[in-house]
Amino acid sequence: MTILVVVQSNPVYSVLLLIGSFVGLAGLYVLLDAPFVAVIQIIVYAGAIMVLFLFVVMLLNAPHEQAVQSGLPESGGARLVGGLLAIAFAIELAWALTRARTMAMAAPGERATFSVSQIGQRLFQQYAFAFEATSILILVAMVGAITLAGRHLDKR
């Protein structure tokens, strides 16, 4: 489903398919015995962030993506960077899978388990700056989208 997000020419369909990808990711969290993270994934990302993305896409009234036909040959540098990123992703994925396999073999008593209140305390005490920085970034993105939409409306 995530491949469809990238290949869609209509941005609204891409956002809706991204919501489906987030729900699938939440399902993976449930399979990993992390139901709290799965619910947060659905509430925060599939709920709030994707509604914001959909609002921005509809506010900007983004047209369908047009294929660019140019007489210039494709850049070899872009392919090299894409290839290097694909190799780095494959290495990271292999590392994560081997780490997950070794953690799954650990005895259940050795794993750290946290209650919802402990997770909340840790998030809002140790990671409060990250939450505030994220809220500022989202605010700047909304102001930028409204500014771009305002310029687009003035030209009509």
N, C-alpha and C. Protein backbone atom coordinates (compact mmCIF):
# COMPACT_ATOMS: atom_id res chain seq x y z
N MET A 1 0.82 -1.18 0.00
CA MET A 1 0.00 0.00 0.00
C MET A 1 0.87 1.26 0.00
N THR A 2 2.02 1.18 0.64
CA THR A 2 2.88 2.35 0.70
C THR A 2 3.43 2.71 -0.67
N ILE A 3 3.64 1.74 -1.52
CA ILE A 3 4.09 2.01 -2.89
C ILE A 3 3.05 2.85 -3.62
N LEU A 4 1.77 2.57 -3.37
CA LEU A 4 0.71 3.33 -4.02
C LEU A 4 0.71 4.79 -3.59
N VAL A 5 1.18 5.08 -2.37
CA VAL A 5 1.27 6.48 -1.91
C VAL A 5 2.20 7.26 -2.82
N VAL A 6 3.28 6.64 -3.22
CA VAL A 6 4.30 7.34 -4.01
C VAL A 6 3.90 7.46 -5.47
N VAL A 7 3.23 6.46 -6.02
CA VAL A 7 2.95 6.46 -7.46
C VAL A 7 1.65 7.15 -7.84
N GLN A 8 0.84 7.57 -6.86
CA GLN A 8 -0.42 8.25 -7.17
C GLN A 8 -0.14 9.63 -7.76
N SER A 9 -0.92 10.00 -8.76
CA SER A 9 -0.78 11.35 -9.31
C SER A 9 -1.68 12.34 -8.59
N ASN A 10 -2.73 11.87 -7.93
CA ASN A 10 -3.63 12.74 -7.20
C ASN A 10 -3.17 12.81 -5.74
N PRO A 11 -2.82 14.00 -5.25
CA PRO A 11 -2.30 14.11 -3.88
C PRO A 11 -3.31 13.73 -2.80
N VAL A 12 -4.60 13.90 -3.06
CA VAL A 12 -5.60 13.53 -2.06
C VAL A 12 -5.61 12.01 -1.88
N TYR A 13 -5.51 11.27 -2.99
CA TYR A 13 -5.46 9.82 -2.90
C TYR A 13 -4.19 9.37 -2.17
N SER A 14 -3.09 10.08 -2.40
CA SER A 14 -1.84 9.73 -1.71
C SER A 14 -1.99 9.88 -0.20
N VAL A 15 -2.63 10.95 0.23
CA VAL A 15 -2.83 11.17 1.67
C VAL A 15 -3.73 10.09 2.25
N LEU A 16 -4.79 9.73 1.54
CA LEU A 16 -5.70 8.70 2.04
C LEU A 16 -5.01 7.34 2.09
N LEU A 17 -4.18 7.03 1.11
CA LEU A 17 -3.43 5.77 1.15
C LEU A 17 -2.38 5.78 2.26
N LEU A 18 -1.84 6.95 2.57
CA LEU A 18 -0.88 7.04 3.67
C LEU A 18 -1.57 6.74 5.01
N ILE A 19 -2.82 7.14 5.14
CA ILE A 19 -3.58 6.78 6.34
C ILE A 19 -3.69 5.27 6.45
N GLY A 20 -3.96 4.60 5.34
CA GLY A 20 -4.01 3.13 5.34
C GLY A 20 -2.67 2.52 5.71
N SER A 21 -1.58 3.12 5.27
CA SER A 21 -0.26 2.62 5.65
C SER A 21 -0.02 2.77 7.14
N PHE A 22 -0.46 3.88 7.71
CA PHE A 22 -0.30 4.07 9.15
C PHE A 22 -1.13 3.07 9.95
N VAL A 23 -2.31 2.74 9.45
CA VAL A 23 -3.14 1.73 10.13
C VAL A 23 -2.45 0.37 10.05
N GLY A 24 -1.84 0.06 8.92
CA GLY A 24 -1.08 -1.19 8.80
C GLY A 24 0.10 -1.22 9.75
N LEU A 25 0.77 -0.09 9.91
CA LEU A 25 1.87 0.00 10.86
C LEU A 25 1.38 -0.20 12.29
N ALA A 26 0.20 0.32 12.59
CA ALA A 26 -0.38 0.10 13.92
C ALA A 26 -0.66 -1.39 14.13
N GLY A 27 -1.08 -2.07 13.07
CA GLY A 27 -1.28 -3.51 13.18
C GLY A 27 0.01 -4.24 13.49
N LEU A 28 1.12 -3.79 12.93
CA LEU A 28 2.42 -4.39 13.25
C LEU A 28 2.78 -4.16 14.72
N TYR A 29 2.45 -2.99 15.23
CA TYR A 29 2.71 -2.73 16.65
C TYR A 29 1.90 -3.66 17.54
N VAL A 30 0.66 -3.95 17.14
CA VAL A 30 -0.16 -4.89 17.91
C VAL A 30 0.49 -6.27 17.90
N LEU A 31 1.01 -6.68 16.74
CA LEU A 31 1.68 -7.98 16.65
C LEU A 31 2.96 -8.02 17.49
N LEU A 32 3.56 -6.87 17.74
CA LEU A 32 4.77 -6.80 18.56
C LEU A 32 4.45 -6.62 20.05
N ASP A 33 3.19 -6.82 20.42
CA ASP A 33 2.73 -6.67 21.80
C ASP A 33 2.94 -5.27 22.34
N ALA A 34 2.66 -4.27 21.52
CA ALA A 34 2.75 -2.88 21.94
C ALA A 34 1.43 -2.18 21.60
N PRO A 35 0.34 -2.53 22.29
CA PRO A 35 -0.95 -1.95 21.94
C PRO A 35 -1.04 -0.45 22.20
N PHE A 36 -0.33 0.04 23.21
CA PHE A 36 -0.37 1.48 23.49
C PHE A 36 0.23 2.26 22.32
N VAL A 37 1.34 1.80 21.80
CA VAL A 37 1.97 2.48 20.66
C VAL A 37 1.08 2.38 19.43
N ALA A 38 0.38 1.25 19.26
CA ALA A 38 -0.53 1.10 18.12
C ALA A 38 -1.67 2.11 18.19
N VAL A 39 -2.24 2.29 19.36
CA VAL A 39 -3.34 3.25 19.51
C VAL A 39 -2.83 4.67 19.30
N ILE A 40 -1.67 4.97 19.84
CA ILE A 40 -1.09 6.30 19.63
C ILE A 40 -0.80 6.53 18.16
N GLN A 41 -0.33 5.50 17.46
CA GLN A 41 -0.07 5.60 16.02
C GLN A 41 -1.34 5.98 15.27
N ILE A 42 -2.44 5.36 15.61
CA ILE A 42 -3.70 5.66 14.92
C ILE A 42 -4.21 7.04 15.31
N ILE A 43 -4.19 7.36 16.60
CA ILE A 43 -4.74 8.65 17.04
C ILE A 43 -3.90 9.82 16.52
N VAL A 44 -2.59 9.74 16.70
CA VAL A 44 -1.74 10.88 16.36
C VAL A 44 -1.49 10.97 14.86
N TYR A 45 -1.01 9.90 14.25
CA TYR A 45 -0.63 10.00 12.84
C TYR A 45 -1.82 9.85 11.91
N ALA A 46 -2.55 8.74 12.02
CA ALA A 46 -3.68 8.54 11.11
C ALA A 46 -4.80 9.52 11.41
N GLY A 47 -4.87 10.01 12.63
CA GLY A 47 -5.90 10.96 12.98
C GLY A 47 -5.48 12.39 12.73
N ALA A 48 -4.68 12.91 13.62
CA ALA A 48 -4.37 14.35 13.61
C ALA A 48 -3.46 14.78 12.47
N ILE A 49 -2.33 14.13 12.31
CA ILE A 49 -1.36 14.59 11.31
C ILE A 49 -1.90 14.42 9.90
N MET A 50 -2.57 13.31 9.62
CA MET A 50 -3.08 13.10 8.26
C MET A 50 -4.25 14.03 7.96
N VAL A 51 -5.05 14.36 8.95
CA VAL A 51 -6.11 15.35 8.73
C VAL A 51 -5.47 16.70 8.38
N LEU A 52 -4.38 17.03 9.07
CA LEU A 52 -3.67 18.26 8.75
C LEU A 52 -3.11 18.23 7.33
N PHE A 53 -2.50 17.11 6.93
CA PHE A 53 -1.98 16.99 5.56
C PHE A 53 -3.11 17.12 4.54
N LEU A 54 -4.22 16.44 4.81
CA LEU A 54 -5.35 16.50 3.88
C LEU A 54 -5.90 17.92 3.80
N PHE A 55 -5.96 18.62 4.92
CA PHE A 55 -6.41 20.01 4.94
C PHE A 55 -5.49 20.89 4.09
N VAL A 56 -4.18 20.71 4.24
CA VAL A 56 -3.22 21.52 3.48
C VAL A 56 -3.33 21.22 1.99
N VAL A 57 -3.45 19.94 1.63
CA VAL A 57 -3.56 19.58 0.21
C VAL A 57 -4.82 20.18 -0.39
N MET A 58 -5.92 20.10 0.34
CA MET A 58 -7.17 20.66 -0.19
C MET A 58 -7.15 22.19 -0.18
N LEU A 59 -6.48 22.78 0.81
CA LEU A 59 -6.38 24.23 0.87
C LEU A 59 -5.57 24.77 -0.30
N LEU A 60 -4.49 24.09 -0.63
CA LEU A 60 -3.66 24.52 -1.74
C LEU A 60 -4.26 24.17 -3.08
N ASN A 61 -5.30 23.31 -3.06
CA ASN A 61 -5.95 22.87 -4.29
C ASN A 61 -4.90 22.37 -5.28
N ALA A 62 -4.07 21.45 -4.82
CA ALA A 62 -2.98 20.93 -5.63
C ALA A 62 -3.53 20.16 -6.83
N PRO A 63 -3.06 20.49 -8.01
CA PRO A 63 -3.54 19.78 -9.20
C PRO A 63 -2.90 18.40 -9.30
N HIS A 64 -3.35 17.65 -10.29
CA HIS A 64 -2.73 16.36 -10.54
C HIS A 64 -1.29 16.57 -10.97
N GLU A 65 -0.44 15.65 -10.62
CA GLU A 65 0.96 15.76 -10.97
C GLU A 65 1.14 15.48 -12.45
N GLN A 66 1.90 16.31 -13.11
CA GLN A 66 2.15 16.15 -14.53
C GLN A 66 3.54 15.56 -14.74
N ALA A 67 3.64 14.62 -15.65
CA ALA A 67 4.94 14.05 -15.97
C ALA A 67 5.76 15.07 -16.74
N VAL A 68 6.98 15.31 -16.32
CA VAL A 68 7.83 16.30 -16.96
C VAL A 68 8.60 15.61 -18.08
N GLN A 69 8.46 16.13 -19.28
CA GLN A 69 9.19 15.60 -20.43
C GLN A 69 10.26 16.61 -20.80
N SER A 70 11.50 16.26 -20.58
CA SER A 70 12.59 17.17 -20.93
C SER A 70 13.57 16.41 -21.79
N GLY A 71 14.26 17.14 -22.61
CA GLY A 71 15.24 16.54 -23.51
C GLY A 71 16.56 16.24 -22.82
N LEU A 72 16.69 16.64 -21.55
CA LEU A 72 17.94 16.43 -20.84
C LEU A 72 18.06 14.99 -20.36
N PRO A 73 19.27 14.41 -20.44
CA PRO A 73 19.44 13.05 -19.92
C PRO A 73 19.33 13.06 -18.40
N GLU A 74 18.94 11.91 -17.83
CA GLU A 74 18.82 11.81 -16.38
C GLU A 74 20.18 11.95 -15.72
N SER A 75 20.16 12.57 -14.57
CA SER A 75 21.39 12.80 -13.84
C SER A 75 21.87 11.49 -13.22
N GLY A 76 23.14 11.18 -13.42
CA GLY A 76 23.73 10.00 -12.81
C GLY A 76 23.91 10.18 -11.32
N GLY A 77 24.03 11.44 -10.86
CA GLY A 77 24.20 11.72 -9.44
C GLY A 77 22.97 11.36 -8.63
N ALA A 78 21.80 11.61 -9.20
CA ALA A 78 20.57 11.28 -8.50
C ALA A 78 20.42 9.77 -8.35
N ARG A 79 20.80 9.04 -9.39
CA ARG A 79 20.74 7.58 -9.30
C ARG A 79 21.74 7.04 -8.29
N LEU A 80 22.92 7.66 -8.22
CA LEU A 80 23.94 7.22 -7.26
C LEU A 80 23.46 7.45 -5.84
N VAL A 81 22.90 8.63 -5.57
CA VAL A 81 22.40 8.92 -4.22
C VAL A 81 21.25 7.99 -3.88
N GLY A 82 20.34 7.74 -4.83
CA GLY A 82 19.24 6.82 -4.59
C GLY A 82 19.72 5.41 -4.31
N GLY A 83 20.74 4.97 -5.04
CA GLY A 83 21.30 3.64 -4.81
C GLY A 83 21.96 3.53 -3.45
N LEU A 84 22.71 4.58 -3.06
CA LEU A 84 23.36 4.56 -1.74
C LEU A 84 22.33 4.55 -0.61
N LEU A 85 21.25 5.32 -0.78
CA LEU A 85 20.19 5.32 0.23
C LEU A 85 19.50 3.96 0.30
N ALA A 86 19.31 3.30 -0.85
CA ALA A 86 18.69 1.97 -0.84
C ALA A 86 19.58 0.96 -0.14
N ILE A 87 20.89 1.04 -0.35
CA ILE A 87 21.82 0.13 0.33
C ILE A 87 21.82 0.40 1.83
N ALA A 88 21.83 1.67 2.23
CA ALA A 88 21.79 2.01 3.65
C ALA A 88 20.50 1.52 4.29
N PHE A 89 19.39 1.65 3.58
CA PHE A 89 18.12 1.16 4.11
C PHE A 89 18.14 -0.35 4.27
N ALA A 90 18.70 -1.07 3.30
CA ALA A 90 18.76 -2.54 3.39
C ALA A 90 19.62 -2.98 4.57
N ILE A 91 20.73 -2.29 4.80
CA ILE A 91 21.60 -2.63 5.94
C ILE A 91 20.87 -2.36 7.26
N GLU A 92 20.20 -1.22 7.34
CA GLU A 92 19.46 -0.89 8.57
C GLU A 92 18.33 -1.87 8.82
N LEU A 93 17.64 -2.28 7.76
CA LEU A 93 16.55 -3.24 7.90
C LEU A 93 17.08 -4.60 8.37
N ALA A 94 18.20 -5.04 7.81
CA ALA A 94 18.80 -6.31 8.25
C ALA A 94 19.22 -6.23 9.71
N TRP A 95 19.81 -5.11 10.11
CA TRP A 95 20.21 -4.94 11.51
C TRP A 95 19.01 -4.97 12.44
N ALA A 96 17.93 -4.28 12.05
CA ALA A 96 16.73 -4.24 12.89
C ALA A 96 16.10 -5.62 13.02
N LEU A 97 16.08 -6.38 11.92
CA LEU A 97 15.49 -7.72 11.98
C LEU A 97 16.31 -8.66 12.85
N THR A 98 17.64 -8.58 12.78
CA THR A 98 18.46 -9.45 13.64
C THR A 98 18.33 -9.03 15.10
N ARG A 99 18.23 -7.75 15.36
CA ARG A 99 18.06 -7.27 16.73
C ARG A 99 16.71 -7.70 17.29
N ALA A 100 15.66 -7.62 16.45
CA ALA A 100 14.33 -8.04 16.89
C ALA A 100 14.31 -9.53 17.18
N ARG A 101 15.03 -10.31 16.39
CA ARG A 101 15.08 -11.75 16.60
C ARG A 101 15.78 -12.08 17.92
N THR A 102 16.87 -11.37 18.23
CA THR A 102 17.56 -11.64 19.49
C THR A 102 16.74 -11.17 20.69
N MET A 103 15.99 -10.09 20.53
CA MET A 103 15.15 -9.61 21.63
C MET A 103 13.96 -10.54 21.85
N ALA A 104 13.47 -11.15 20.77
CA ALA A 104 12.34 -12.08 20.90
C ALA A 104 12.77 -13.34 21.64
N MET A 105 14.04 -13.72 21.51
CA MET A 105 14.54 -14.91 22.19
C MET A 105 14.78 -14.68 23.68
N ALA A 106 14.82 -13.41 24.10
CA ALA A 106 15.04 -13.10 25.51
C ALA A 106 13.83 -13.57 26.32
N ALA A 107 14.09 -13.90 27.54
CA ALA A 107 13.01 -14.34 28.42
C ALA A 107 12.05 -13.18 28.68
N PRO A 108 10.76 -13.46 28.81
CA PRO A 108 9.79 -12.38 29.02
C PRO A 108 10.08 -11.52 30.24
N GLY A 109 10.70 -12.07 31.26
CA GLY A 109 11.01 -11.29 32.46
C GLY A 109 12.14 -10.31 32.24
N GLU A 110 12.97 -10.54 31.21
CA GLU A 110 14.10 -9.66 30.96
C GLU A 110 13.70 -8.40 30.21
N ARG A 111 12.56 -8.43 29.53
CA ARG A 111 12.12 -7.27 28.78
C ARG A 111 11.55 -6.21 29.72
N ALA A 112 11.81 -4.97 29.37
CA ALA A 112 11.26 -3.86 30.17
C ALA A 112 9.82 -3.63 29.76
N THR A 113 8.94 -3.61 30.73
CA THR A 113 7.54 -3.31 30.46
C THR A 113 7.16 -2.06 31.25
N PHE A 114 6.36 -1.23 30.60
CA PHE A 114 5.96 0.03 31.20
C PHE A 114 4.44 0.13 31.19
N SER A 115 3.89 0.74 32.21
CA SER A 115 2.46 1.01 32.22
C SER A 115 2.22 2.32 31.46
N VAL A 116 0.96 2.59 31.19
CA VAL A 116 0.60 3.80 30.46
C VAL A 116 1.02 5.04 31.24
N SER A 117 0.86 5.02 32.56
CA SER A 117 1.24 6.19 33.36
C SER A 117 2.76 6.39 33.35
N GLN A 118 3.52 5.30 33.36
CA GLN A 118 4.98 5.43 33.29
C GLN A 118 5.42 5.97 31.93
N ILE A 119 4.75 5.52 30.87
CA ILE A 119 5.07 6.05 29.53
C ILE A 119 4.76 7.53 29.46
N GLY A 120 3.59 7.94 30.00
CA GLY A 120 3.23 9.35 30.01
C GLY A 120 4.20 10.20 30.80
N GLN A 121 4.60 9.72 31.98
CA GLN A 121 5.58 10.46 32.80
C GLN A 121 6.89 10.63 32.04
N ARG A 122 7.34 9.56 31.41
CA ARG A 122 8.61 9.63 30.69
C ARG A 122 8.52 10.57 29.49
N LEU A 123 7.41 10.50 28.76
CA LEU A 123 7.25 11.35 27.58
C LEU A 123 7.20 12.84 27.94
N PHE A 124 6.43 13.17 28.98
CA PHE A 124 6.24 14.59 29.29
C PHE A 124 7.29 15.16 30.23
N GLN A 125 8.14 14.33 30.80
CA GLN A 125 9.23 14.85 31.62
C GLN A 125 10.54 14.86 30.85
N GLN A 126 10.90 13.73 30.26
CA GLN A 126 12.19 13.63 29.59
C GLN A 126 12.15 14.16 28.17
N TYR A 127 10.99 14.06 27.50
CA TYR A 127 10.92 14.43 26.09
C TYR A 127 9.99 15.60 25.83
N ALA A 128 9.84 16.49 26.80
CA ALA A 128 8.95 17.64 26.64
C ALA A 128 9.45 18.58 25.55
N PHE A 129 10.75 18.76 25.44
CA PHE A 129 11.30 19.65 24.41
C PHE A 129 10.97 19.14 23.01
N ALA A 130 11.03 17.84 22.81
CA ALA A 130 10.71 17.27 21.49
C ALA A 130 9.25 17.53 21.13
N PHE A 131 8.34 17.43 22.10
CA PHE A 131 6.94 17.72 21.83
C PHE A 131 6.76 19.20 21.46
N GLU A 132 7.40 20.08 22.18
CA GLU A 132 7.28 21.51 21.89
C GLU A 132 7.88 21.86 20.54
N ALA A 133 9.02 21.28 20.22
CA ALA A 133 9.66 21.54 18.92
C ALA A 133 8.77 21.03 17.79
N THR A 134 8.15 19.89 17.97
CA THR A 134 7.25 19.36 16.95
C THR A 134 6.04 20.26 16.76
N SER A 135 5.49 20.76 17.83
CA SER A 135 4.32 21.65 17.70
C SER A 135 4.69 22.94 16.98
N ILE A 136 5.87 23.45 17.22
CA ILE A 136 6.31 24.67 16.51
C ILE A 136 6.51 24.38 15.03
N LEU A 137 7.09 23.23 14.70
CA LEU A 137 7.27 22.87 13.29
C LEU A 137 5.93 22.72 12.57
N ILE A 138 4.95 22.12 13.23
CA ILE A 138 3.64 21.97 12.61
C ILE A 138 2.97 23.34 12.44
N LEU A 139 3.14 24.22 13.41
CA LEU A 139 2.59 25.57 13.30
C LEU A 139 3.22 26.33 12.14
N VAL A 140 4.53 26.23 11.99
CA VAL A 140 5.21 26.90 10.88
C VAL A 140 4.74 26.33 9.54
N ALA A 141 4.54 25.01 9.48
CA ALA A 141 4.05 24.40 8.23
C ALA A 141 2.65 24.89 7.89
N MET A 142 1.78 25.03 8.89
CA MET A 142 0.43 25.53 8.63
C MET A 142 0.45 26.99 8.16
N VAL A 143 1.26 27.81 8.81
CA VAL A 143 1.36 29.21 8.40
C VAL A 143 1.92 29.30 6.97
N GLY A 144 2.90 28.48 6.66
CA GLY A 144 3.46 28.47 5.31
C GLY A 144 2.43 28.04 4.28
N ALA A 145 1.64 27.03 4.60
CA ALA A 145 0.61 26.57 3.66
C ALA A 145 -0.45 27.63 3.44
N ILE A 146 -0.86 28.31 4.50
CA ILE A 146 -1.86 29.38 4.36
C ILE A 146 -1.28 30.55 3.57
N THR A 147 -0.02 30.85 3.79
CA THR A 147 0.63 31.93 3.03
C THR A 147 0.70 31.57 1.55
N LEU A 148 1.09 30.34 1.25
CA LEU A 148 1.14 29.92 -0.16
C LEU A 148 -0.24 29.94 -0.79
N ALA A 149 -1.25 29.50 -0.05
CA ALA A 149 -2.61 29.50 -0.59
C ALA A 149 -3.09 30.93 -0.80
N GLY A 150 -2.72 31.84 0.09
CA GLY A 150 -3.11 33.24 -0.05
C GLY A 150 -2.51 33.87 -1.29
N ARG A 151 -1.25 33.56 -1.58
CA ARG A 151 -0.62 34.09 -2.79
C ARG A 151 -1.29 33.52 -4.03
N HIS A 152 -1.67 32.24 -3.95
CA HIS A 152 -2.32 31.59 -5.08
C HIS A 152 -3.68 32.21 -5.34
N LEU A 153 -4.41 32.56 -4.29
CA LEU A 153 -5.73 33.16 -4.45
C LEU A 153 -5.67 34.61 -4.94
N ASP A 154 -4.59 35.33 -4.58
CA ASP A 154 -4.46 36.72 -5.01
C ASP A 154 -4.24 36.85 -6.51
N LYS A 155 -3.65 35.84 -7.14
CA LYS A 155 -3.33 35.90 -8.57
C LYS A 155 -4.56 35.70 -9.44
N ARG A 156 -5.65 35.24 -8.88
CA ARG A 156 -6.87 34.97 -9.68
C ARG A 156 -7.58 36.21 -10.03
